[in-house]
Amino acid sequence: MFDIEPTPIVKLEHELFTQKEIGVWMKLDYLNHEFVSGNKLRKLKYNLENFHLKKYESILSFGGPYSNHLAALSYLGKSINIPTIGFVRGNYHREKSDTIEFCESNGMIIKYLSIEEYRNKETTKFLEKILLEYPSTFILPEGGKNNLAKKGCGEIVTETESQLSFEPDFYFSAVGTGTTIAGIAEKITDGQQAFGIAVIKGENVAENIQKDQNCFLENFKILENYHFGGYAKSNESLITFSKSFVQKYAIPIDPIYNAKCLYAIFDLAEKNHFPAKSKILVIHTGGLQGIDGFCKKNNLPTSIFR
């Protein structure tokens, strides 16, 4: 249905990387669209093709109050005249997040689910109930998590390696559902590795993501030690790191996903995780719309992240 223009790749020069004799590059996928940026556009690419192929009338999906996925879906729906419905975790009727207000401004119908209802959102009983109310809707899983989304994200590898004169040894991406990094893992060769940095906290996060993505490849790893307390949580170390990174590189990063992934790479480098001469490629997955809501909630200036 549409092509995605290749996004720039920049080298992150830093004395730590020089000292450790490694190279780190960043693919600026947030530049592929003003509102539907980063992995969101890639996840939706083939899902939209499927939507038109099967002649659905609307798209329905799920997310939290700060969901980049719902924000992207709402904007894309508005721009190409597809009605969208968003089922949101929790009861936020009284105090809507900036993200939900953005979704509604794009015409997305917002419905709230209790935590228990949200937990059961993929059960047959719940999905049948939805289809009774919206019989011609295309149900897209939370975060756009499906094989079509993985296919779109896998194209990052082909695109990246056509831009570079080498194959990266390591690919890194922040992980919510794991779709982006699983798509990458399924495209790279045996000599390469794909690392996902989990931004959520919980038991068996890595195992659950691998099961959800049906991806158990040896070169696919999820690291669980950089969530900073859980989804949309942070501490002074992450804030300080983010401010320093933005000042040095003039690249905006969100605190929910990309800041945690970058922090992990610097920390792993410091701990000699990467062999000398390693070439590391980190994907900037976008999600910058989440900065405003995070800063408002935590009483922080947005200039830290932009």
Protein backbone atom coordinates (compact mmCIF):
# COMPACT_ATOMS: atom_id res chain seq x y z
CA MET A 1 0.00 0.00 0.00
CA PHE A 2 2.86 2.39 0.72
CA ASP A 3 6.64 2.45 0.75
CA ILE A 4 8.74 3.63 3.68
CA GLU A 5 11.69 5.80 2.76
CA PRO A 6 15.03 4.67 4.26
CA THR A 7 15.86 6.54 7.46
CA PRO A 8 19.31 7.98 8.24
CA ILE A 9 21.97 6.11 10.21
CA VAL A 10 24.45 8.07 12.33
CA LYS A 11 27.52 6.95 14.25
CA LEU A 12 27.47 7.72 17.98
CA GLU A 13 31.00 8.85 18.74
CA HIS A 14 31.90 8.54 22.43
CA GLU A 15 35.11 8.14 24.40
CA LEU A 16 33.71 5.01 26.06
CA PHE A 17 33.19 3.33 22.69
CA THR A 18 36.66 4.39 21.55
CA GLN A 19 38.18 3.01 24.74
CA LYS A 20 36.37 -0.31 24.31
CA GLU A 21 37.20 -0.42 20.57
CA ILE A 22 33.59 -0.79 19.49
CA GLY A 23 31.41 1.12 17.03
CA VAL A 24 27.82 2.14 17.75
CA TRP A 25 25.43 3.39 15.08
CA MET A 26 21.85 4.58 15.46
CA LYS A 27 19.10 4.22 12.85
CA LEU A 28 16.86 7.26 13.20
CA ASP A 29 13.55 5.61 12.45
CA TYR A 30 11.66 8.39 14.21
CA LEU A 31 12.26 10.45 11.06
CA ASN A 32 10.14 8.22 8.81
CA HIS A 33 6.90 10.07 9.65
CA GLU A 34 5.94 13.11 11.69
CA PHE A 35 3.23 11.35 13.72
CA VAL A 36 3.30 7.65 12.79
CA SER A 37 7.00 7.39 13.41
CA GLY A 38 9.51 4.62 13.92
CA ASN A 39 8.40 1.05 14.35
CA LYS A 40 4.74 2.09 14.42
CA LEU A 41 4.74 2.81 10.69
CA ARG A 42 6.56 -0.43 9.96
CA LYS A 43 4.15 -2.46 12.09
CA LEU A 44 1.12 -0.97 10.36
CA LYS A 45 2.40 -1.26 6.78
CA TYR A 46 1.30 -4.83 6.01
CA ASN A 47 -1.64 -4.72 8.41
CA LEU A 48 -3.11 -1.89 6.35
CA GLU A 49 -2.61 -3.92 3.20
CA ASN A 50 -4.53 -6.76 4.85
CA PHE A 51 -7.26 -4.34 5.95
CA HIS A 52 -7.88 -3.24 2.36
CA LEU A 53 -7.50 -6.71 0.91
CA LYS A 54 -10.21 -8.14 3.16
CA LYS A 55 -12.42 -5.03 2.91
CA TYR A 56 -12.88 -4.31 6.61
CA GLU A 57 -14.68 -1.12 7.61
CA SER A 58 -12.71 -0.07 10.70
CA ILE A 59 -9.64 -0.96 12.77
CA LEU A 60 -9.82 -1.72 16.49
CA SER A 61 -6.83 -2.07 18.77
CA PHE A 62 -5.65 -1.92 22.38
CA GLY A 63 -3.17 0.01 24.50
CA GLY A 64 -2.43 1.88 27.69
CA PRO A 65 -3.07 5.58 28.38
CA TYR A 66 0.30 6.52 26.83
CA SER A 67 0.19 4.08 23.91
CA ASN A 68 2.35 5.17 20.96
CA HIS A 69 0.58 2.49 18.95
CA LEU A 70 -2.91 3.92 19.48
CA ALA A 71 -1.65 7.44 18.77
CA ALA A 72 -0.10 6.31 15.50
CA LEU A 73 -3.14 4.26 14.49
CA SER A 74 -5.51 7.15 15.20
CA TYR A 75 -3.51 9.58 13.08
CA LEU A 76 -3.08 7.17 10.21
CA GLY A 77 -6.78 6.32 10.35
CA LYS A 78 -7.70 9.98 10.11
CA SER A 79 -5.28 10.65 7.25
CA ILE A 80 -6.60 7.81 5.05
CA ASN A 81 -10.24 7.86 6.22
CA ILE A 82 -10.35 4.62 8.20
CA PRO A 83 -12.49 4.71 11.38
CA THR A 84 -10.51 3.59 14.44
CA ILE A 85 -11.49 2.30 17.88
CA GLY A 86 -9.12 2.14 20.83
CA PHE A 87 -9.68 0.01 23.93
CA VAL A 88 -7.63 1.55 26.73
CA ARG A 89 -6.38 -0.18 29.87
CA GLY A 90 -7.69 1.43 33.08
CA ASN A 91 -10.26 4.07 33.91
CA TYR A 92 -9.01 7.49 32.84
CA HIS A 93 -12.30 9.23 32.14
CA ARG A 94 -11.65 12.12 34.52
CA GLU A 95 -8.01 12.82 33.72
CA LYS A 96 -7.14 11.89 30.16
CA SER A 97 -3.53 11.61 29.11
CA ASP A 98 -2.20 13.79 26.31
CA THR A 99 -1.99 10.65 24.20
CA ILE A 100 -5.67 9.80 24.59
CA GLU A 101 -6.65 13.40 23.86
CA PHE A 102 -4.55 13.19 20.69
CA CYS A 103 -6.27 9.94 19.70
CA GLU A 104 -9.72 11.47 20.20
CA SER A 105 -8.73 14.58 18.25
CA ASN A 106 -8.04 12.23 15.34
CA GLY A 107 -11.52 10.76 15.60
CA MET A 108 -10.64 7.53 17.39
CA ILE A 109 -13.48 6.14 19.51
CA ILE A 110 -12.03 5.47 22.96
CA LYS A 111 -13.43 2.82 25.28
CA TYR A 112 -11.99 1.99 28.69
CA LEU A 113 -11.48 -1.48 30.11
CA SER A 114 -10.88 -2.45 33.70
CA ILE A 115 -7.57 -4.15 34.43
CA GLU A 116 -9.35 -7.51 34.58
CA GLU A 117 -11.19 -6.92 31.30
CA TYR A 118 -7.96 -5.85 29.66
CA ARG A 119 -6.21 -8.99 30.87
CA ASN A 120 -8.88 -11.05 29.09
CA LYS A 121 -8.86 -9.03 25.87
CA GLU A 122 -7.53 -11.87 23.72
CA THR A 123 -9.96 -14.53 24.92
CA THR A 124 -12.48 -15.92 22.44
CA LYS A 125 -15.40 -14.76 24.60
CA PHE A 126 -14.18 -11.16 24.70
CA LEU A 127 -13.36 -11.02 20.98
CA GLU A 128 -16.77 -12.44 20.07
CA LYS A 129 -18.37 -9.70 22.16
CA ILE A 130 -16.39 -7.05 20.28
CA LEU A 131 -17.40 -8.45 16.90
CA LEU A 132 -21.05 -8.31 17.88
CA GLU A 133 -20.68 -4.57 18.39
CA TYR A 134 -18.26 -3.98 15.50
CA PRO A 135 -18.91 -6.83 13.01
CA SER A 136 -16.73 -5.47 10.19
CA THR A 137 -13.75 -4.33 12.22
CA PHE A 138 -10.18 -5.52 11.81
CA ILE A 139 -8.91 -6.42 15.30
CA LEU A 140 -5.26 -5.50 15.68
CA PRO A 141 -3.53 -6.86 18.81
CA GLU A 142 -1.97 -4.57 21.40
CA GLY A 143 1.05 -2.73 20.03
CA GLY A 144 0.26 -4.04 16.54
CA LYS A 145 1.69 -7.39 17.63
CA ASN A 146 1.27 -9.97 14.86
CA ASN A 147 3.18 -11.66 12.04
CA LEU A 148 2.37 -8.88 9.58
CA ALA A 149 3.90 -6.37 11.97
CA LYS A 150 6.98 -8.57 12.37
CA LYS A 151 7.31 -8.71 8.60
CA GLY A 152 7.33 -4.93 8.41
CA CYS A 153 9.90 -4.61 11.19
CA GLY A 154 12.10 -7.24 9.61
CA GLU A 155 12.60 -4.88 6.68
CA ILE A 156 14.78 -2.78 8.99
CA VAL A 157 17.56 -5.34 8.45
CA THR A 158 17.42 -5.26 4.66
CA GLU A 159 17.22 -1.48 4.65
CA THR A 160 20.03 -1.02 7.18
CA GLU A 161 22.46 -3.37 5.50
CA SER A 162 21.85 -1.77 2.10
CA GLN A 163 22.86 1.57 3.66
CA LEU A 164 25.97 0.35 5.48
CA SER A 165 29.15 -1.17 4.09
CA PHE A 166 29.03 -3.90 6.76
CA GLU A 167 26.66 -6.17 8.68
CA PRO A 168 26.21 -5.15 12.35
CA ASP A 169 27.22 -7.77 14.90
CA PHE A 170 24.47 -6.67 17.29
CA TYR A 171 21.04 -5.12 16.73
CA PHE A 172 19.38 -3.40 19.70
CA SER A 173 15.83 -2.16 20.23
CA ALA A 174 13.65 -1.26 23.18
CA VAL A 175 10.99 -3.89 23.81
CA GLY A 176 7.34 -3.62 24.76
CA THR A 177 5.60 -6.43 22.89
CA GLY A 178 8.86 -7.53 21.28
CA THR A 179 7.54 -7.31 17.72
CA THR A 180 10.31 -5.09 16.38
CA ILE A 181 13.26 -7.07 17.71
CA ALA A 182 11.62 -10.42 16.86
CA GLY A 183 11.15 -9.25 13.28
CA ILE A 184 14.82 -8.29 13.19
CA ALA A 185 15.92 -11.59 14.75
CA GLU A 186 14.11 -13.54 12.06
CA LYS A 187 15.94 -11.67 9.28
CA ILE A 188 19.54 -11.54 10.48
CA THR A 189 22.16 -14.21 9.83
CA ASP A 190 23.57 -16.75 12.28
CA GLY A 191 26.62 -14.62 13.04
CA GLN A 192 24.53 -11.67 14.21
CA GLN A 193 22.53 -11.15 17.42
CA ALA A 194 19.34 -9.24 18.22
CA PHE A 195 18.96 -7.83 21.74
CA GLY A 196 15.72 -6.41 23.10
CA ILE A 197 15.76 -4.17 26.16
CA ALA A 198 12.57 -4.83 28.13
CA VAL A 199 10.91 -1.63 29.39
CA ILE A 200 8.35 -3.50 31.47
CA LYS A 201 8.78 -5.21 34.83
CA GLY A 202 7.39 -8.60 35.75
CA GLU A 203 8.03 -12.28 36.13
CA ASN A 204 9.32 -14.20 33.11
CA VAL A 205 9.19 -11.13 30.86
CA ALA A 206 11.75 -12.51 28.40
CA GLU A 207 10.11 -15.93 28.25
CA ASN A 208 6.65 -14.41 27.77
CA ILE A 209 7.83 -12.15 24.95
CA GLN A 210 9.47 -15.06 23.17
CA LYS A 211 6.29 -17.10 23.50
CA ASP A 212 4.11 -14.22 22.29
CA GLN A 213 6.32 -13.72 19.26
CA ASN A 214 6.84 -17.47 18.70
CA CYS A 215 10.52 -16.64 18.34
CA PHE A 216 13.02 -18.88 20.14
CA LEU A 217 16.07 -18.30 17.97
CA GLU A 218 19.51 -18.56 19.57
CA ASN A 219 20.40 -15.09 18.32
CA PHE A 220 17.35 -13.48 20.00
CA LYS A 221 17.84 -12.25 23.58
CA ILE A 222 15.70 -10.13 25.90
CA LEU A 223 17.49 -8.26 28.70
CA GLU A 224 15.30 -7.52 31.73
CA ASN A 225 17.62 -5.40 33.90
CA TYR A 226 16.94 -1.97 32.42
CA HIS A 227 13.25 -1.33 33.06
CA PHE A 228 13.94 1.30 35.78
CA GLY A 229 10.97 0.16 37.84
CA GLY A 230 8.57 -0.72 35.03
CA TYR A 231 6.69 0.78 32.12
CA ALA A 232 6.93 4.60 32.02
CA LYS A 233 8.97 4.52 35.24
CA SER A 234 12.37 6.17 35.67
CA ASN A 235 14.92 7.34 38.20
CA GLU A 236 17.53 10.06 38.48
CA SER A 237 20.14 7.99 36.63
CA LEU A 238 17.93 7.63 33.56
CA ILE A 239 16.95 11.30 33.59
CA THR A 240 20.59 12.41 33.89
CA PHE A 241 21.65 10.03 31.13
CA SER A 242 18.87 11.24 28.82
CA LYS A 243 19.77 14.89 29.33
CA SER A 244 23.44 14.19 28.63
CA PHE A 245 22.66 12.14 25.52
CA VAL A 246 20.36 14.78 24.00
CA GLN A 247 22.86 17.55 24.70
CA LYS A 248 25.73 15.62 23.10
CA TYR A 249 24.00 14.23 20.02
CA ALA A 250 21.01 16.56 19.47
CA ILE A 251 18.84 13.47 18.96
CA PRO A 252 15.51 13.47 20.85
CA ILE A 253 14.76 10.33 22.86
CA ASP A 254 11.71 9.32 24.84
CA PRO A 255 12.11 8.15 28.46
CA ILE A 256 9.72 5.22 28.10
CA TYR A 257 11.55 3.22 25.43
CA ASN A 258 14.61 4.61 23.69
CA ALA A 259 16.34 6.17 26.70
CA LYS A 260 16.31 2.79 28.45
CA CYS A 261 17.70 1.01 25.41
CA LEU A 262 20.54 3.50 25.00
CA TYR A 263 21.33 3.43 28.71
CA ALA A 264 21.65 -0.34 28.43
CA ILE A 265 24.11 -0.13 25.54
CA PHE A 266 26.36 2.31 27.41
CA ASP A 267 26.18 0.18 30.55
CA LEU A 268 26.92 -3.04 28.69
CA ALA A 269 29.86 -1.39 26.96
CA GLU A 270 31.22 -0.24 30.32
CA LYS A 271 30.94 -3.82 31.58
CA ASN A 272 32.84 -5.20 28.55
CA HIS A 273 29.85 -7.08 27.17
CA PHE A 274 30.93 -6.43 23.57
CA PRO A 275 34.13 -7.91 22.12
CA ALA A 276 36.60 -5.45 20.60
CA LYS A 277 35.78 -4.48 17.00
CA SER A 278 32.05 -5.10 17.57
CA LYS A 279 29.65 -3.13 15.40
CA ILE A 280 26.37 -2.29 17.18
CA LEU A 281 23.23 -0.91 15.55
CA VAL A 282 20.49 0.54 17.75
CA ILE A 283 17.05 1.31 16.35
CA HIS A 284 15.43 4.59 17.41
CA THR A 285 11.85 3.34 17.43
CA GLY A 286 10.17 6.75 17.69
CA GLY A 287 7.55 7.24 20.39
CA LEU A 288 8.46 10.88 20.94
CA GLN A 289 4.80 11.78 21.46
CA GLY A 290 5.09 10.16 24.90
CA ILE A 291 7.52 12.81 26.14
CA ASP A 292 4.89 15.44 26.98
CA GLY A 293 2.71 13.15 29.07
CA PHE A 294 5.69 11.68 30.91
CA CYS A 295 7.09 15.10 31.75
CA LYS A 296 3.73 16.45 32.87
CA LYS A 297 3.21 13.44 35.14
CA ASN A 298 6.71 13.73 36.64
CA ASN A 299 6.93 17.54 36.67
CA LEU A 300 9.96 17.61 34.39
CA PRO A 301 10.89 19.98 31.55
CA THR A 302 10.51 18.43 28.10
CA SER A 303 13.89 19.93 27.13
CA ILE A 304 15.55 16.98 28.90
CA PHE A 305 14.45 14.69 26.10
CA ARG A 306 14.37 17.04 23.07
